[in-house]
Amino acid sequence: MYTIKQTQTKKALFGLITRNVEKQYNFSNYWEAVRFALHEQIKYIYFSKGTAKTKTNVFKYFYSLKRFEKFAKKNPLHFCNVSNADRINLKQYYNVLIERNINKLRTY
């Protein structure tokens, strides 16, 4: 079972009172967990089976949105299949690659 923990800071009374709200998402498949982590830009995925627990850094193996935008502007032919990336919305294209062709987001 793969688990992703997301912590959000909620503010109340004009920012005087803050509290941390932690959400936990469970996935049965590794690729579903990776896709969710890339969509939400969450750094770690936790895997637990019995007493064994491991932690995986997602951005060690895949590009984050910032790194993707940087490299897609330098080499648009590899990432976007166009010669110039000025007219492409790279944030939206990043989400398309997560769903359809996640192998282009792998780091080597």
N, C-alpha and C. Protein backbone atom coordinates (compact mmCIF):
# COMPACT_ATOMS: atom_id res chain seq x y z
N MET A 1 0.84 -1.17 0.00
CA MET A 1 0.00 0.00 0.00
C MET A 1 0.89 1.24 0.00
N TYR A 2 0.58 2.18 -0.85
CA TYR A 2 1.34 3.41 -0.98
C TYR A 2 0.55 4.55 -0.35
N THR A 3 1.22 5.37 0.42
CA THR A 3 0.58 6.45 1.16
C THR A 3 1.26 7.76 0.84
N ILE A 4 0.46 8.79 0.63
CA ILE A 4 0.97 10.14 0.44
C ILE A 4 0.36 11.02 1.50
N LYS A 5 1.21 11.75 2.22
CA LYS A 5 0.75 12.67 3.26
C LYS A 5 0.91 14.09 2.77
N GLN A 6 -0.17 14.85 2.88
CA GLN A 6 -0.17 16.25 2.45
C GLN A 6 -0.54 17.13 3.63
N THR A 7 0.32 18.08 3.95
CA THR A 7 0.09 18.98 5.08
C THR A 7 -0.26 20.37 4.56
N GLN A 8 -1.36 20.92 5.04
CA GLN A 8 -1.79 22.26 4.67
C GLN A 8 -1.90 23.11 5.91
N THR A 9 -1.58 24.39 5.78
CA THR A 9 -1.71 25.32 6.88
C THR A 9 -2.98 26.14 6.67
N LYS A 10 -3.88 26.06 7.62
CA LYS A 10 -5.14 26.82 7.57
C LYS A 10 -5.03 28.01 8.52
N LYS A 11 -5.49 29.17 8.06
CA LYS A 11 -5.43 30.37 8.87
C LYS A 11 -6.85 30.87 9.17
N ALA A 12 -7.02 31.42 10.35
CA ALA A 12 -8.31 31.97 10.77
C ALA A 12 -8.07 33.27 11.51
N LEU A 13 -9.09 34.08 11.61
CA LEU A 13 -9.03 35.36 12.31
C LEU A 13 -7.89 36.24 11.80
N PHE A 14 -7.94 36.53 10.49
CA PHE A 14 -6.98 37.43 9.86
C PHE A 14 -5.54 36.94 9.99
N GLY A 15 -5.34 35.64 10.03
CA GLY A 15 -4.00 35.07 10.11
C GLY A 15 -3.43 34.96 11.50
N LEU A 16 -4.21 35.27 12.53
CA LEU A 16 -3.70 35.19 13.90
C LEU A 16 -3.64 33.76 14.42
N ILE A 17 -4.58 32.94 13.98
CA ILE A 17 -4.63 31.55 14.43
C ILE A 17 -4.32 30.67 13.22
N THR A 18 -3.34 29.81 13.38
CA THR A 18 -2.99 28.89 12.30
C THR A 18 -3.01 27.46 12.84
N ARG A 19 -3.33 26.53 11.97
CA ARG A 19 -3.29 25.12 12.34
C ARG A 19 -2.89 24.32 11.10
N ASN A 20 -2.25 23.21 11.35
CA ASN A 20 -1.83 22.32 10.28
C ASN A 20 -2.83 21.18 10.15
N VAL A 21 -3.29 20.98 8.94
CA VAL A 21 -4.23 19.91 8.64
C VAL A 21 -3.50 18.92 7.75
N GLU A 22 -3.44 17.67 8.18
CA GLU A 22 -2.73 16.65 7.42
C GLU A 22 -3.73 15.70 6.79
N LYS A 23 -3.64 15.57 5.46
CA LYS A 23 -4.48 14.62 4.73
C LYS A 23 -3.61 13.46 4.30
N GLN A 24 -4.19 12.28 4.34
CA GLN A 24 -3.46 11.08 3.98
C GLN A 24 -4.22 10.37 2.86
N TYR A 25 -3.53 10.11 1.76
CA TYR A 25 -4.12 9.44 0.60
C TYR A 25 -3.47 8.07 0.46
N ASN A 26 -4.28 7.04 0.24
CA ASN A 26 -3.79 5.67 0.09
C ASN A 26 -4.02 5.19 -1.34
N PHE A 27 -3.02 4.51 -1.89
CA PHE A 27 -3.09 3.98 -3.25
C PHE A 27 -2.63 2.54 -3.23
N SER A 28 -3.22 1.72 -4.07
CA SER A 28 -2.81 0.32 -4.16
C SER A 28 -1.75 0.12 -5.24
N ASN A 29 -1.64 1.07 -6.18
CA ASN A 29 -0.73 0.96 -7.31
C ASN A 29 0.33 2.06 -7.22
N TYR A 30 1.58 1.72 -7.55
CA TYR A 30 2.67 2.69 -7.49
C TYR A 30 2.47 3.83 -8.48
N TRP A 31 2.04 3.51 -9.70
CA TRP A 31 1.91 4.54 -10.74
C TRP A 31 0.79 5.52 -10.43
N GLU A 32 -0.28 5.07 -9.80
CA GLU A 32 -1.33 6.00 -9.37
C GLU A 32 -0.78 6.97 -8.34
N ALA A 33 0.03 6.47 -7.42
CA ALA A 33 0.62 7.32 -6.39
C ALA A 33 1.59 8.33 -7.01
N VAL A 34 2.37 7.89 -7.98
CA VAL A 34 3.32 8.80 -8.65
C VAL A 34 2.57 9.88 -9.41
N ARG A 35 1.54 9.51 -10.13
CA ARG A 35 0.76 10.51 -10.89
C ARG A 35 0.13 11.54 -9.96
N PHE A 36 -0.43 11.07 -8.84
CA PHE A 36 -1.02 12.00 -7.89
C PHE A 36 0.04 12.93 -7.29
N ALA A 37 1.20 12.37 -6.94
CA ALA A 37 2.27 13.18 -6.36
C ALA A 37 2.78 14.21 -7.35
N LEU A 38 2.87 13.86 -8.63
CA LEU A 38 3.31 14.82 -9.63
C LEU A 38 2.27 15.91 -9.86
N HIS A 39 1.00 15.53 -9.87
CA HIS A 39 -0.06 16.55 -10.02
C HIS A 39 -0.02 17.55 -8.87
N GLU A 40 0.12 17.05 -7.66
CA GLU A 40 0.07 17.90 -6.47
C GLU A 40 1.43 18.44 -6.06
N GLN A 41 2.50 18.05 -6.77
CA GLN A 41 3.88 18.45 -6.47
C GLN A 41 4.26 18.08 -5.03
N ILE A 42 3.98 16.84 -4.66
CA ILE A 42 4.32 16.29 -3.35
C ILE A 42 5.61 15.50 -3.50
N LYS A 43 6.54 15.71 -2.59
CA LYS A 43 7.89 15.19 -2.76
C LYS A 43 8.04 13.71 -2.42
N TYR A 44 7.37 13.21 -1.40
CA TYR A 44 7.62 11.87 -0.91
C TYR A 44 6.40 10.96 -1.02
N ILE A 45 6.67 9.68 -1.33
CA ILE A 45 5.67 8.61 -1.30
C ILE A 45 6.16 7.60 -0.27
N TYR A 46 5.26 7.16 0.61
CA TYR A 46 5.59 6.19 1.64
C TYR A 46 4.99 4.84 1.26
N PHE A 47 5.80 3.78 1.34
CA PHE A 47 5.35 2.43 1.05
C PHE A 47 5.47 1.60 2.32
N SER A 48 4.39 0.91 2.66
CA SER A 48 4.43 0.06 3.85
C SER A 48 3.78 -1.28 3.53
N LYS A 49 4.49 -2.33 3.90
CA LYS A 49 3.98 -3.68 3.74
C LYS A 49 4.41 -4.46 4.97
N GLY A 50 3.47 -4.75 5.84
CA GLY A 50 3.78 -5.41 7.10
C GLY A 50 4.56 -4.46 7.99
N THR A 51 5.75 -4.86 8.37
CA THR A 51 6.57 -4.00 9.22
C THR A 51 7.59 -3.21 8.41
N ALA A 52 7.75 -3.52 7.12
CA ALA A 52 8.71 -2.80 6.28
C ALA A 52 8.12 -1.49 5.80
N LYS A 53 8.85 -0.41 5.97
CA LYS A 53 8.40 0.91 5.53
C LYS A 53 9.54 1.58 4.78
N THR A 54 9.23 2.16 3.61
CA THR A 54 10.22 2.88 2.84
C THR A 54 9.65 4.22 2.40
N LYS A 55 10.54 5.14 2.07
CA LYS A 55 10.15 6.47 1.62
C LYS A 55 10.85 6.73 0.29
N THR A 56 10.10 7.17 -0.73
CA THR A 56 10.65 7.42 -2.05
C THR A 56 10.51 8.89 -2.39
N ASN A 57 11.60 9.49 -2.87
CA ASN A 57 11.57 10.86 -3.35
C ASN A 57 11.15 10.85 -4.82
N VAL A 58 9.99 11.41 -5.12
CA VAL A 58 9.43 11.36 -6.47
C VAL A 58 10.27 12.18 -7.44
N PHE A 59 10.77 13.32 -7.00
CA PHE A 59 11.48 14.21 -7.90
C PHE A 59 12.92 13.78 -8.15
N LYS A 60 13.34 12.69 -7.53
CA LYS A 60 14.64 12.11 -7.88
C LYS A 60 14.53 11.38 -9.22
N TYR A 61 13.36 10.86 -9.53
CA TYR A 61 13.16 10.08 -10.75
C TYR A 61 12.36 10.81 -11.82
N PHE A 62 11.62 11.85 -11.45
CA PHE A 62 10.78 12.59 -12.40
C PHE A 62 11.03 14.09 -12.25
N TYR A 63 10.79 14.82 -13.33
CA TYR A 63 10.95 16.27 -13.30
C TYR A 63 9.80 16.92 -12.52
N SER A 64 10.14 17.92 -11.72
CA SER A 64 9.10 18.74 -11.11
C SER A 64 8.63 19.75 -12.16
N LEU A 65 7.59 20.50 -11.85
CA LEU A 65 7.05 21.45 -12.81
C LEU A 65 8.08 22.53 -13.16
N LYS A 66 8.81 23.04 -12.16
CA LYS A 66 9.82 24.07 -12.42
C LYS A 66 10.94 23.54 -13.31
N ARG A 67 11.44 22.36 -12.99
CA ARG A 67 12.52 21.78 -13.79
C ARG A 67 12.05 21.44 -15.20
N PHE A 68 10.80 20.97 -15.33
CA PHE A 68 10.26 20.67 -16.65
C PHE A 68 10.18 21.92 -17.50
N GLU A 69 9.69 23.02 -16.92
CA GLU A 69 9.60 24.26 -17.68
C GLU A 69 10.98 24.73 -18.12
N LYS A 70 11.96 24.62 -17.24
CA LYS A 70 13.33 25.04 -17.57
C LYS A 70 13.90 24.22 -18.72
N PHE A 71 13.79 22.90 -18.65
CA PHE A 71 14.37 22.05 -19.68
C PHE A 71 13.54 22.04 -20.96
N ALA A 72 12.23 22.23 -20.86
CA ALA A 72 11.39 22.25 -22.06
C ALA A 72 11.64 23.51 -22.88
N LYS A 73 12.02 24.61 -22.22
CA LYS A 73 12.37 25.82 -22.97
C LYS A 73 13.71 25.66 -23.67
N LYS A 74 14.63 24.91 -23.05
CA LYS A 74 15.94 24.70 -23.68
C LYS A 74 15.89 23.66 -24.79
N ASN A 75 15.09 22.62 -24.62
CA ASN A 75 15.02 21.53 -25.58
C ASN A 75 13.56 21.18 -25.88
N PRO A 76 12.85 22.04 -26.61
CA PRO A 76 11.41 21.79 -26.84
C PRO A 76 11.13 20.63 -27.78
N LEU A 77 12.10 20.29 -28.62
CA LEU A 77 11.86 19.20 -29.57
C LEU A 77 11.72 17.86 -28.85
N HIS A 78 12.48 17.65 -27.79
CA HIS A 78 12.39 16.39 -27.05
C HIS A 78 11.12 16.31 -26.21
N PHE A 79 10.79 17.38 -25.51
CA PHE A 79 9.66 17.33 -24.58
C PHE A 79 8.32 17.61 -25.24
N CYS A 80 8.27 18.58 -26.14
CA CYS A 80 6.98 19.04 -26.69
C CYS A 80 6.77 18.68 -28.15
N ASN A 81 7.79 18.14 -28.82
CA ASN A 81 7.72 17.79 -30.24
C ASN A 81 7.44 18.99 -31.14
N VAL A 82 7.93 20.15 -30.74
CA VAL A 82 7.84 21.37 -31.56
C VAL A 82 9.21 22.03 -31.54
N SER A 83 9.44 22.94 -32.50
CA SER A 83 10.74 23.58 -32.56
C SER A 83 10.84 24.80 -31.65
N ASN A 84 9.70 25.37 -31.25
CA ASN A 84 9.71 26.55 -30.39
C ASN A 84 8.61 26.39 -29.34
N ALA A 85 8.96 26.55 -28.07
CA ALA A 85 8.01 26.30 -26.98
C ALA A 85 7.34 27.57 -26.48
N ASP A 86 7.45 28.67 -27.21
CA ASP A 86 6.87 29.93 -26.74
C ASP A 86 5.35 29.94 -26.76
N ARG A 87 4.75 29.23 -27.69
CA ARG A 87 3.28 29.27 -27.82
C ARG A 87 2.58 28.15 -27.07
N ILE A 88 3.32 27.36 -26.33
CA ILE A 88 2.74 26.23 -25.61
C ILE A 88 2.59 26.60 -24.14
N ASN A 89 1.46 26.27 -23.56
CA ASN A 89 1.26 26.42 -22.12
C ASN A 89 1.92 25.22 -21.44
N LEU A 90 3.12 25.43 -20.90
CA LEU A 90 3.91 24.32 -20.38
C LEU A 90 3.31 23.70 -19.13
N LYS A 91 2.60 24.48 -18.33
CA LYS A 91 1.95 23.92 -17.14
C LYS A 91 0.87 22.92 -17.52
N GLN A 92 0.09 23.29 -18.52
CA GLN A 92 -0.97 22.40 -18.98
C GLN A 92 -0.38 21.18 -19.69
N TYR A 93 0.68 21.39 -20.45
CA TYR A 93 1.32 20.28 -21.16
C TYR A 93 1.98 19.31 -20.18
N TYR A 94 2.47 19.81 -19.05
CA TYR A 94 3.03 18.96 -17.99
C TYR A 94 1.96 18.00 -17.47
N ASN A 95 0.76 18.51 -17.24
CA ASN A 95 -0.34 17.66 -16.76
C ASN A 95 -0.76 16.64 -17.82
N VAL A 96 -0.69 17.02 -19.09
CA VAL A 96 -1.01 16.07 -20.16
C VAL A 96 0.03 14.95 -20.19
N LEU A 97 1.30 15.30 -20.02
CA LEU A 97 2.35 14.27 -20.01
C LEU A 97 2.21 13.34 -18.82
N ILE A 98 1.75 13.83 -17.69
CA ILE A 98 1.54 12.96 -16.53
C ILE A 98 0.51 11.89 -16.85
N GLU A 99 -0.54 12.26 -17.54
CA GLU A 99 -1.62 11.32 -17.83
C GLU A 99 -1.30 10.40 -19.00
N ARG A 100 -0.64 10.92 -20.04
CA ARG A 100 -0.50 10.15 -21.27
C ARG A 100 0.88 9.55 -21.50
N ASN A 101 1.94 10.31 -21.21
CA ASN A 101 3.29 9.84 -21.52
C ASN A 101 4.24 10.24 -20.41
N ILE A 102 4.14 9.53 -19.30
CA ILE A 102 4.92 9.88 -18.11
C ILE A 102 6.41 9.60 -18.31
N ASN A 103 6.77 8.80 -19.30
CA ASN A 103 8.18 8.48 -19.54
C ASN A 103 8.99 9.70 -19.98
N LYS A 104 8.36 10.69 -20.59
CA LYS A 104 9.08 11.90 -20.98
C LYS A 104 9.47 12.75 -19.77
N LEU A 105 8.87 12.51 -18.63
CA LEU A 105 9.20 13.28 -17.42
C LEU A 105 10.27 12.60 -16.58
N ARG A 106 10.77 11.47 -17.00
CA ARG A 106 11.81 10.77 -16.24
C ARG A 106 13.13 11.51 -16.36
N THR A 107 13.88 11.53 -15.27
CA THR A 107 15.23 12.08 -15.30
C THR A 107 16.21 10.94 -15.55
N TYR A 108 17.29 11.27 -16.21
CA TYR A 108 18.29 10.24 -16.53
C TYR A 108 19.65 10.67 -16.03
